[in-house]
């Protein structure tokens, strides 16, 4: 009987404890945190939603979603909640209180009590952010949107502790400097990283598992000079109407598709571009010749069709050109022989035909530059068909007209030298008489 009484008492205590923790329909620690957020908005000279602080169940407050069974908060959608306070004059006029500072300091530890949180959207709230401290304990947080606030300086390395994140949106935060991997390799679940409308000078995020639209769909790259996003999982087409002063753009080994937008060639400062190993299709635009400062261009391992544009000849500074492993056809334009700086060249494994180029820099390229083109041949004085088992080679050509001319001249000279010796030289005459 005693055991039963103790058991009943323990059950009652558990029920009372649960009721205490979840008073007013949500847990006390989470309710306190919500009121702290409410106080932050008020101290920032902002109005707050009328539902906040009213009613017994904070799960019913604006922007809050709770688990139906546990009553823990799962989603906090506080996007663009910041609203400047309006004042009303005696004459009925309305005025908006001006902001005293560009943004209001926010310590993200204010969200640390929401241990079951899966989504946090605090975008567009004029917050000054310094780091991600306070969020690392949110082991179930998958979606984080802090866009349209102000990050002071660059993105801190503390982002690497948010190991459960799948999507991070930091667009429009005035982030500056170079964005490097900053521990993103630790974020094995990260699929999307949005960084548009910032002041970054370089993106160096190669060899991660980032996905979504390449460059987040951003087209204005006015502040970015270097972009390294190779070996990720970006999808879709390149952004339309690109502009800016990008010098290096490396997007190799992603999952991009579609045709090249002609605006890509309107990046006047571009010196190196790699789109290798994607799923790009269509013809290579003639406008590629606008890349007057390009030194390295790699379009290999895609599905480009059509012919090689003769406008490649306008790339006067190019040093490396790789068009291998596509579906290009036709001949190699003779205009390419004008590329005096070209040191690396490959059109291997296409469907090209016609003659190899052998003048200018093209006289120095090995046969590996052309292999895998069954209808490509050498047309020089000592060569004929060139493709054997996918590899360019050389064969004698007995029909070479120059060879005929040289042989004929040699025969004529030898004949008249013999006649002169026999009939004009005394020793030659004696030989003939003795015969």
Protein backbone atom coordinates (compact mmCIF):
# COMPACT_ATOMS: atom_id res chain seq x y z
CA UNK A 1 0.00 0.00 0.00
CA UNK A 2 2.90 2.31 0.85
CA UNK A 3 4.45 1.80 -2.60
CA UNK A 4 1.10 2.70 -4.21
CA UNK A 5 0.88 5.93 -2.20
CA UNK A 6 4.39 6.95 -3.18
CA UNK A 7 3.57 6.10 -6.79
CA UNK A 8 0.47 8.27 -6.75
CA UNK A 9 2.38 11.11 -5.14
CA UNK A 10 5.10 10.92 -7.80
CA UNK A 11 2.46 10.97 -10.55
CA UNK A 12 0.81 14.02 -9.03
CA UNK A 13 4.14 15.82 -8.75
CA UNK A 14 4.93 15.08 -12.42
CA UNK A 15 1.56 16.42 -13.51
CA UNK A 16 1.93 19.55 -11.38
CA UNK A 17 5.49 20.09 -12.68
CA UNK A 18 4.31 19.74 -16.27
CA UNK A 19 1.45 22.14 -15.64
CA UNK A 20 3.87 24.61 -14.07
CA UNK A 21 6.29 24.46 -16.95
CA UNK A 22 3.59 24.80 -19.55
CA UNK A 23 1.52 27.41 -17.77
CA UNK A 24 -0.33 29.78 -20.08
CA UNK A 25 -0.21 27.11 -22.81
CA UNK A 26 3.56 27.17 -23.40
CA UNK A 27 6.67 26.52 -21.37
CA UNK A 28 7.67 29.19 -18.89
CA UNK A 29 11.25 29.55 -20.15
CA UNK A 30 10.02 30.04 -23.70
CA UNK A 31 7.36 32.54 -22.59
CA UNK A 32 10.03 34.51 -20.72
CA UNK A 33 12.22 34.50 -23.84
CA UNK A 34 9.32 35.79 -25.92
CA UNK A 35 8.80 38.63 -23.50
CA UNK A 36 12.54 39.43 -23.75
CA UNK A 37 12.14 39.64 -27.53
CA UNK A 38 9.10 41.85 -26.95
CA UNK A 39 11.21 44.13 -24.75
CA UNK A 40 13.92 44.31 -27.45
CA UNK A 41 11.39 45.56 -30.00
CA UNK A 42 10.08 48.16 -27.56
CA UNK A 43 13.58 49.38 -26.68
CA UNK A 44 14.27 49.66 -30.42
CA UNK A 45 11.41 52.13 -30.76
CA UNK A 46 9.23 49.61 -32.53
CA UNK A 47 5.65 48.62 -32.10
CA UNK A 48 4.96 44.99 -31.18
CA UNK A 49 2.12 42.72 -32.30
CA UNK A 50 -1.00 43.31 -30.25
CA UNK A 51 -1.34 39.60 -29.48
CA UNK A 52 1.99 39.41 -27.67
CA UNK A 53 1.61 39.38 -23.89
CA UNK A 54 -2.14 38.87 -24.09
CA UNK A 55 -4.00 35.63 -23.66
CA UNK A 56 -3.05 32.52 -21.76
CA UNK A 57 -1.55 30.56 -24.63
CA UNK A 58 1.57 32.12 -26.17
CA UNK A 59 1.38 29.48 -28.89
CA UNK A 60 -1.45 31.60 -30.27
CA UNK A 61 0.63 34.74 -30.49
CA UNK A 62 1.45 36.15 -33.91
CA UNK A 63 4.35 34.43 -35.72
CA UNK A 64 4.59 31.48 -33.31
CA UNK A 65 3.95 27.81 -34.09
CA UNK A 66 4.06 25.15 -31.35
CA UNK A 67 4.07 21.38 -31.34
CA UNK A 68 0.49 20.27 -30.65
CA UNK A 69 1.51 17.61 -28.15
CA UNK A 70 4.57 19.00 -26.36
CA UNK A 71 3.62 22.71 -26.66
CA UNK A 72 7.24 23.50 -27.42
CA UNK A 73 7.80 26.29 -29.94
CA UNK A 74 8.88 24.91 -33.34
CA UNK A 75 8.75 27.99 -35.54
CA UNK A 76 9.40 31.68 -34.91
CA UNK A 77 8.41 33.78 -37.91
CA UNK A 78 9.24 37.29 -36.77
CA UNK A 79 10.07 38.60 -40.23
CA UNK A 80 9.66 42.36 -40.76
CA UNK A 81 8.02 42.70 -37.37
CA UNK A 82 9.90 45.92 -36.72
CA UNK A 83 7.46 48.80 -37.14
CA UNK A 84 8.37 52.38 -36.28
CA UNK A 85 6.12 53.89 -33.63
CA UNK A 86 3.52 56.32 -34.92
CA UNK A 87 2.55 59.41 -32.94
CA UNK A 88 -0.69 61.30 -33.37
CA UNK A 89 -0.96 65.06 -33.08
CA UNK A 90 -3.86 66.98 -31.58
CA UNK A 91 -4.92 67.91 -35.08
CA UNK A 92 -5.14 64.26 -36.09
CA UNK A 93 -1.86 64.25 -38.03
CA UNK A 94 0.34 61.14 -37.97
CA UNK A 95 4.13 61.14 -37.71
CA UNK A 96 6.62 58.27 -37.60
CA UNK A 97 9.33 58.39 -34.99
CA UNK A 98 12.72 58.49 -36.73
CA UNK A 99 15.32 55.83 -35.93
CA UNK A 100 18.06 57.09 -33.65
CA UNK A 101 20.63 54.59 -35.01
CA UNK A 102 20.88 52.56 -38.26
CA UNK A 103 20.30 49.30 -36.37
CA UNK A 104 19.74 47.97 -32.85
CA UNK A 105 22.14 45.57 -31.15
CA UNK A 106 20.74 42.07 -30.81
CA UNK A 107 22.40 39.20 -28.95
CA UNK A 108 21.19 35.94 -30.48
CA UNK A 109 21.36 34.23 -27.09
CA UNK A 110 17.86 35.62 -26.71
CA UNK A 111 16.74 32.61 -28.78
CA UNK A 112 18.67 29.96 -26.82
CA UNK A 113 15.63 28.85 -24.78
CA UNK A 114 13.77 27.51 -27.82
CA UNK A 115 15.41 24.09 -27.73
CA UNK A 116 12.98 22.46 -30.19
CA UNK A 117 13.10 25.32 -32.68
CA UNK A 118 13.28 24.27 -36.34
CA UNK A 119 12.70 27.61 -38.10
CA UNK A 120 13.84 31.09 -37.12
CA UNK A 121 13.01 34.00 -39.41
CA UNK A 122 14.16 37.34 -38.03
CA UNK A 123 14.58 39.09 -41.36
CA UNK A 124 14.02 42.80 -41.91
CA UNK A 125 14.15 43.95 -38.29
CA UNK A 126 16.99 46.52 -38.30
CA UNK A 127 19.08 44.35 -35.97
CA UNK A 128 22.86 44.72 -35.51
CA UNK A 129 24.37 41.22 -35.44
CA UNK A 130 27.90 40.24 -34.44
CA UNK A 131 27.99 36.43 -34.26
CA UNK A 132 25.89 33.28 -34.01
CA UNK A 133 26.57 32.66 -30.32
CA UNK A 134 23.41 31.48 -28.61
CA UNK A 135 22.16 29.45 -31.55
CA UNK A 136 24.63 26.57 -31.33
CA UNK A 137 22.47 24.80 -28.73
CA UNK A 138 19.49 24.68 -31.09
CA UNK A 139 20.23 21.20 -32.37
CA UNK A 140 17.05 20.97 -34.47
CA UNK A 141 17.29 24.35 -36.20
CA UNK A 142 17.07 23.78 -39.97
CA UNK A 143 16.09 27.15 -41.42
CA UNK A 144 17.73 30.44 -40.39
CA UNK A 145 16.80 33.72 -42.05
CA UNK A 146 18.58 36.84 -40.79
CA UNK A 147 18.41 38.74 -44.07
CA UNK A 148 17.92 42.50 -44.31
CA UNK A 149 19.58 43.28 -41.01
CA UNK A 150 23.18 44.42 -40.44
CA UNK A 151 26.05 42.04 -39.77
CA UNK A 152 29.00 43.95 -38.36
CA UNK A 153 32.10 42.98 -40.37
CA UNK A 154 32.27 39.55 -41.96
CA UNK A 155 30.50 36.29 -41.14
CA UNK A 156 32.09 34.81 -38.00
CA UNK A 157 33.32 31.25 -37.77
CA UNK A 158 30.72 30.46 -35.11
CA UNK A 159 28.36 29.58 -37.96
CA UNK A 160 30.18 26.23 -38.13
CA UNK A 161 28.51 25.18 -34.88
CA UNK A 162 25.02 25.25 -36.39
CA UNK A 163 25.38 21.70 -37.65
CA UNK A 164 21.67 21.00 -38.25
CA UNK A 165 21.10 23.93 -40.63
CA UNK A 166 19.84 23.27 -44.15
CA UNK A 167 19.17 26.86 -45.27
CA UNK A 168 20.93 30.09 -44.24
CA UNK A 169 19.77 33.44 -45.61
CA UNK A 170 22.10 36.36 -44.88
CA UNK A 171 21.16 38.53 -47.86
CA UNK A 172 21.12 42.30 -47.49
CA UNK A 173 23.29 42.46 -44.37
CA UNK A 174 26.06 44.76 -45.59
CA UNK A 175 28.53 41.92 -45.07
CA UNK A 176 31.96 42.90 -46.35
CA UNK A 177 35.35 41.34 -47.00
CA UNK A 178 36.10 37.82 -48.21
CA UNK A 179 33.72 34.99 -47.40
CA UNK A 180 35.76 31.81 -47.09
CA UNK A 181 34.68 28.34 -46.05
CA UNK A 182 34.38 29.52 -42.41
CA UNK A 183 33.73 25.97 -41.29
CA UNK A 184 30.91 25.29 -43.73
CA UNK A 185 32.30 21.81 -44.24
CA UNK A 186 30.97 21.05 -40.77
CA UNK A 187 27.46 21.83 -41.99
CA UNK A 188 26.84 18.52 -43.71
CA UNK A 189 23.10 19.23 -44.12
CA UNK A 190 23.47 22.70 -45.61
CA UNK A 191 21.74 22.96 -48.99
CA UNK A 192 21.30 26.69 -49.53
CA UNK A 193 23.34 29.75 -48.59
CA UNK A 194 21.89 33.10 -49.66
CA UNK A 195 24.31 36.04 -49.68
CA UNK A 196 22.87 38.48 -52.20
CA UNK A 197 22.92 42.27 -51.79
CA UNK A 198 26.00 42.42 -49.58
CA UNK A 199 29.40 44.09 -50.00
CA UNK A 200 31.50 40.95 -50.33
CA UNK A 201 34.68 41.24 -52.37
CA UNK A 202 35.19 37.49 -52.74
CA UNK A 203 33.24 34.23 -52.34
CA UNK A 204 35.48 31.24 -51.65
CA UNK A 205 33.13 28.35 -50.92
CA UNK A 206 34.38 25.54 -53.15
CA UNK A 207 34.18 21.87 -52.15
CA UNK A 208 31.05 22.02 -50.00
CA UNK A 209 27.58 20.59 -50.55
CA UNK A 210 25.84 23.89 -51.18
CA UNK A 211 22.80 23.80 -53.43
CA UNK A 212 19.94 25.91 -54.71
CA UNK A 213 20.20 28.57 -57.39
CA UNK A 214 23.74 29.54 -58.31
CA UNK A 215 24.65 32.92 -56.76
CA UNK A 216 21.21 32.92 -55.15
CA UNK A 217 19.83 34.32 -58.41
CA UNK A 218 21.72 37.58 -57.86
CA UNK A 219 22.70 39.41 -61.05
CA UNK A 220 24.39 42.55 -59.70
CA UNK A 221 27.92 41.56 -58.72
CA UNK A 222 29.20 45.10 -58.38
CA UNK A 223 31.34 44.51 -55.28
CA UNK A 224 32.47 40.92 -55.89
CA UNK A 225 35.83 40.38 -57.57
CA UNK A 226 36.39 36.65 -57.07
CA UNK A 227 33.86 33.80 -57.04
CA UNK A 228 34.92 30.25 -56.19
CA UNK A 229 31.86 27.99 -55.94
CA UNK A 230 33.21 24.88 -57.65
CA UNK A 231 32.39 21.33 -56.61
CA UNK A 232 29.04 22.03 -54.99
CA UNK A 233 25.45 21.14 -55.91
CA UNK A 234 24.11 24.38 -57.34
CA UNK A 235 21.29 23.90 -59.84
CA UNK A 236 19.36 25.86 -62.43
CA UNK A 237 20.64 28.38 -64.94
CA UNK A 238 23.10 31.19 -64.50
CA UNK A 239 21.46 34.47 -63.42
CA UNK A 240 20.24 36.69 -66.24
CA UNK A 241 21.57 40.19 -66.95
CA UNK A 242 24.81 39.75 -65.04
CA UNK A 243 26.83 42.87 -64.37
CA UNK A 244 29.80 43.87 -62.27
CA UNK A 245 33.58 43.76 -62.14
CA UNK A 246 34.15 40.06 -61.47
CA UNK A 247 37.71 38.99 -62.29
CA UNK A 248 37.52 35.25 -61.50
CA UNK A 249 34.42 33.04 -61.69
CA UNK A 250 34.89 29.34 -60.96
CA UNK A 251 31.63 27.34 -61.06
CA UNK A 252 32.97 23.95 -62.15
CA UNK A 253 31.46 20.65 -61.02
CA UNK A 254 27.93 21.73 -60.18
CA UNK A 255 24.53 20.78 -61.58
CA UNK A 256 23.78 23.86 -63.66
CA UNK A 257 21.69 23.47 -66.81
CA UNK A 258 20.22 25.50 -69.64
CA UNK A 259 21.88 27.77 -72.16
CA UNK A 260 24.41 30.52 -71.55
CA UNK A 261 22.86 33.94 -71.24
CA UNK A 262 24.58 36.48 -73.46
CA UNK A 263 24.92 38.87 -70.52
CA UNK A 264 27.65 36.59 -69.17
CA UNK A 265 29.93 38.10 -71.78
CA UNK A 266 29.19 41.62 -70.50
CA UNK A 267 31.58 41.24 -67.57
CA UNK A 268 34.40 43.42 -68.92
CA UNK A 269 36.92 42.61 -66.18
CA UNK A 270 36.56 38.83 -66.34
CA UNK A 271 39.95 37.09 -66.70
CA UNK A 272 39.16 33.50 -65.71
CA UNK A 273 35.91 31.56 -66.19
CA UNK A 274 35.30 27.87 -65.54
CA UNK A 275 31.90 26.29 -66.19
CA UNK A 276 33.36 22.81 -66.64
CA UNK A 277 31.50 19.64 -65.64
CA UNK A 278 27.96 20.94 -65.52
CA UNK A 279 24.93 20.19 -67.70
CA UNK A 280 24.95 23.30 -69.89
CA UNK A 281 23.39 23.00 -73.35
CA UNK A 282 22.86 24.95 -76.56
CA UNK A 283 25.36 26.70 -78.77
CA UNK A 284 28.25 28.80 -77.52
CA UNK A 285 27.13 32.40 -78.19
CA UNK A 286 29.02 34.55 -80.65
CA UNK A 287 29.16 37.20 -77.92
CA UNK A 288 31.89 35.19 -76.24
CA UNK A 289 34.26 37.33 -78.26
CA UNK A 290 33.39 40.26 -75.97
CA UNK A 291 35.57 38.79 -73.20
CA UNK A 292 38.50 40.85 -74.35
CA UNK A 293 40.48 40.41 -71.10
CA UNK A 294 39.88 36.69 -70.56
CA UNK A 295 43.02 34.61 -70.01
CA UNK A 296 41.51 31.24 -69.06
CA UNK A 297 38.22 29.79 -70.35
CA UNK A 298 37.05 26.26 -69.54
CA UNK A 299 33.73 25.05 -70.97
CA UNK A 300 34.64 21.36 -71.01
CA UNK A 301 32.44 18.41 -70.09
CA UNK A 302 29.06 19.94 -70.91
CA UNK A 303 26.57 19.41 -73.73
CA UNK A 304 27.35 22.36 -76.00
CA UNK A 305 26.39 21.85 -79.64
CA UNK A 306 26.91 23.70 -82.91
CA UNK A 307 30.20 25.00 -84.22
CA UNK A 308 33.11 26.74 -82.52
CA UNK A 309 32.49 30.49 -82.88
CA UNK A 310 35.10 32.29 -84.98
CA UNK A 311 34.75 35.17 -82.49
CA UNK A 312 37.09 33.24 -80.20
CA UNK A 313 39.75 35.01 -82.27
CA UNK A 314 38.83 38.24 -80.44
CA UNK A 315 40.13 36.83 -77.15
CA UNK A 316 43.52 38.36 -77.77
CA UNK A 317 44.84 37.75 -74.25
CA UNK A 318 43.67 34.17 -73.80
CA UNK A 319 46.27 31.67 -72.60
CA UNK A 320 44.14 28.58 -71.93
CA UNK A 321 41.06 27.40 -73.85
CA UNK A 322 39.35 24.06 -73.10
CA UNK A 323 36.28 23.00 -75.11
CA UNK A 324 36.77 19.25 -74.72
CA UNK A 325 34.03 16.68 -74.07
CA UNK A 326 31.11 18.48 -75.65
CA UNK A 327 29.11 17.87 -78.84
CA UNK A 328 30.68 20.51 -81.05
CA UNK A 329 30.82 19.93 -84.80
CA UNK A 330 32.25 21.52 -87.90
CA UNK A 331 35.81 22.68 -88.39
CA UNK A 332 38.18 24.55 -86.13
CA UNK A 333 38.02 28.20 -87.31
CA UNK A 334 41.29 29.26 -88.92
CA UNK A 335 40.90 32.66 -87.21
CA UNK A 336 42.04 31.03 -83.97
CA UNK A 337 45.60 31.02 -85.29
CA UNK A 338 45.64 34.73 -84.43
CA UNK A 339 45.69 33.86 -80.70
CA UNK A 340 49.37 34.50 -80.12
CA UNK A 341 49.22 34.02 -76.31
CA UNK A 342 47.45 30.66 -76.39
CA UNK A 343 49.51 28.04 -74.56
CA UNK A 344 46.89 25.40 -73.64
CA UNK A 345 44.21 24.21 -76.07
CA UNK A 346 41.87 21.22 -76.19
CA UNK A 347 38.89 20.25 -78.32
CA UNK A 348 39.21 16.53 -77.58
CA UNK A 349 36.17 14.27 -77.69
CA UNK A 350 33.80 16.31 -79.82
CA UNK A 351 32.42 15.72 -83.35
CA UNK A 352 34.77 18.04 -85.20
CA UNK A 353 35.84 17.57 -88.81
CA UNK A 354 38.11 19.20 -91.37
CA UNK A 355 41.76 20.14 -91.04
CA UNK A 356 43.94 20.69 -88.01
CA UNK A 357 45.44 24.14 -87.63
CA UNK A 358 49.23 24.13 -87.81
CA UNK A 359 50.26 27.79 -87.89
CA UNK A 360 50.90 30.17 -85.02
CA UNK A 361 50.62 28.66 -81.56
CA UNK A 362 48.75 25.67 -82.99
CA UNK A 363 51.98 24.23 -84.30
CA UNK A 364 53.05 23.50 -80.72
CA UNK A 365 49.98 21.56 -79.49
CA UNK A 366 50.24 17.81 -79.06
CA UNK A 367 47.88 15.26 -80.51
CA UNK A 368 46.04 14.88 -77.19
CA UNK A 369 44.44 18.25 -77.88
CA UNK A 370 42.42 16.73 -80.74
CA UNK A 371 41.79 13.06 -79.86
CA UNK A 372 38.30 11.66 -80.02
CA UNK A 373 37.31 13.50 -83.24
CA UNK A 374 36.94 10.80 -85.89
CA UNK A 375 36.63 13.18 -88.85
CA UNK A 376 39.44 15.53 -87.97
CA UNK A 377 42.57 15.20 -90.12
CA UNK A 378 45.91 16.78 -90.77
CA UNK A 379 46.30 18.63 -94.05
CA UNK A 380 50.04 19.39 -93.89
CA UNK A 381 52.61 18.41 -96.54
CA UNK A 382 53.53 15.10 -94.96
CA UNK A 383 50.28 13.98 -93.44
CA UNK A 384 46.95 12.53 -94.39
CA UNK A 385 44.05 11.16 -92.32
CA UNK A 386 44.85 11.64 -88.67
CA UNK A 387 42.44 9.71 -86.50
CA UNK A 388 43.30 6.20 -85.36
CA UNK A 389 41.37 4.71 -82.44
CA UNK A 390 40.41 8.15 -81.29
CA UNK A 391 44.00 9.42 -81.34
CA UNK A 392 45.47 11.81 -83.83
CA UNK A 393 48.43 10.38 -85.78
CA UNK A 394 50.44 10.90 -89.00
CA UNK A 395 50.55 8.96 -92.27
CA UNK A 396 52.59 9.43 -95.47
CA UNK A 397 50.80 11.17 -98.31
CA UNK A 398 52.07 10.23 -101.76
CA UNK A 399 49.74 12.70 -103.43
CA UNK A 400 51.48 15.73 -101.99
CA UNK A 401 52.13 18.12 -104.97
CA UNK A 402 55.18 19.67 -103.30
CA UNK A 403 56.77 16.23 -103.10
CA UNK A 404 56.21 15.78 -106.85
CA UNK A 405 57.86 19.13 -107.63
CA UNK A 406 60.91 18.40 -105.49
CA UNK A 407 61.32 14.93 -107.09
CA UNK A 408 60.98 16.29 -110.63
CA UNK A 409 63.54 19.06 -110.07
CA UNK A 410 66.00 16.59 -108.55
CA UNK A 411 65.62 14.24 -111.53
CA UNK A 412 66.17 17.03 -114.09
CA UNK A 413 69.29 18.31 -112.31
CA UNK A 414 70.76 14.82 -112.06
CA UNK A 415 70.04 14.12 -115.77
CA UNK A 416 71.75 17.28 -117.08
CA UNK A 417 74.69 16.80 -114.73
CA UNK A 418 75.26 13.36 -116.26
CA UNK A 419 74.95 14.63 -119.86
CA UNK A 420 77.44 17.43 -119.16
CA UNK A 421 79.93 15.03 -117.64
CA UNK A 422 79.75 12.54 -120.54
CA UNK A 423 79.98 14.93 -123.45
CA UNK A 424 81.97 17.86 -122.11
CA UNK A 425 84.51 16.36 -119.71
CA UNK A 426 87.63 14.69 -121.24
CA UNK A 427 87.49 11.78 -118.81
CA UNK A 428 83.84 11.26 -119.62
CA UNK A 429 84.60 11.11 -123.36
CA UNK A 430 87.28 8.45 -122.85
CA UNK A 431 84.87 6.37 -120.86
CA UNK A 432 82.30 6.56 -123.63
CA UNK A 433 84.91 5.63 -126.36
CA UNK A 434 86.14 2.68 -124.37
CA UNK A 435 82.57 1.40 -124.15
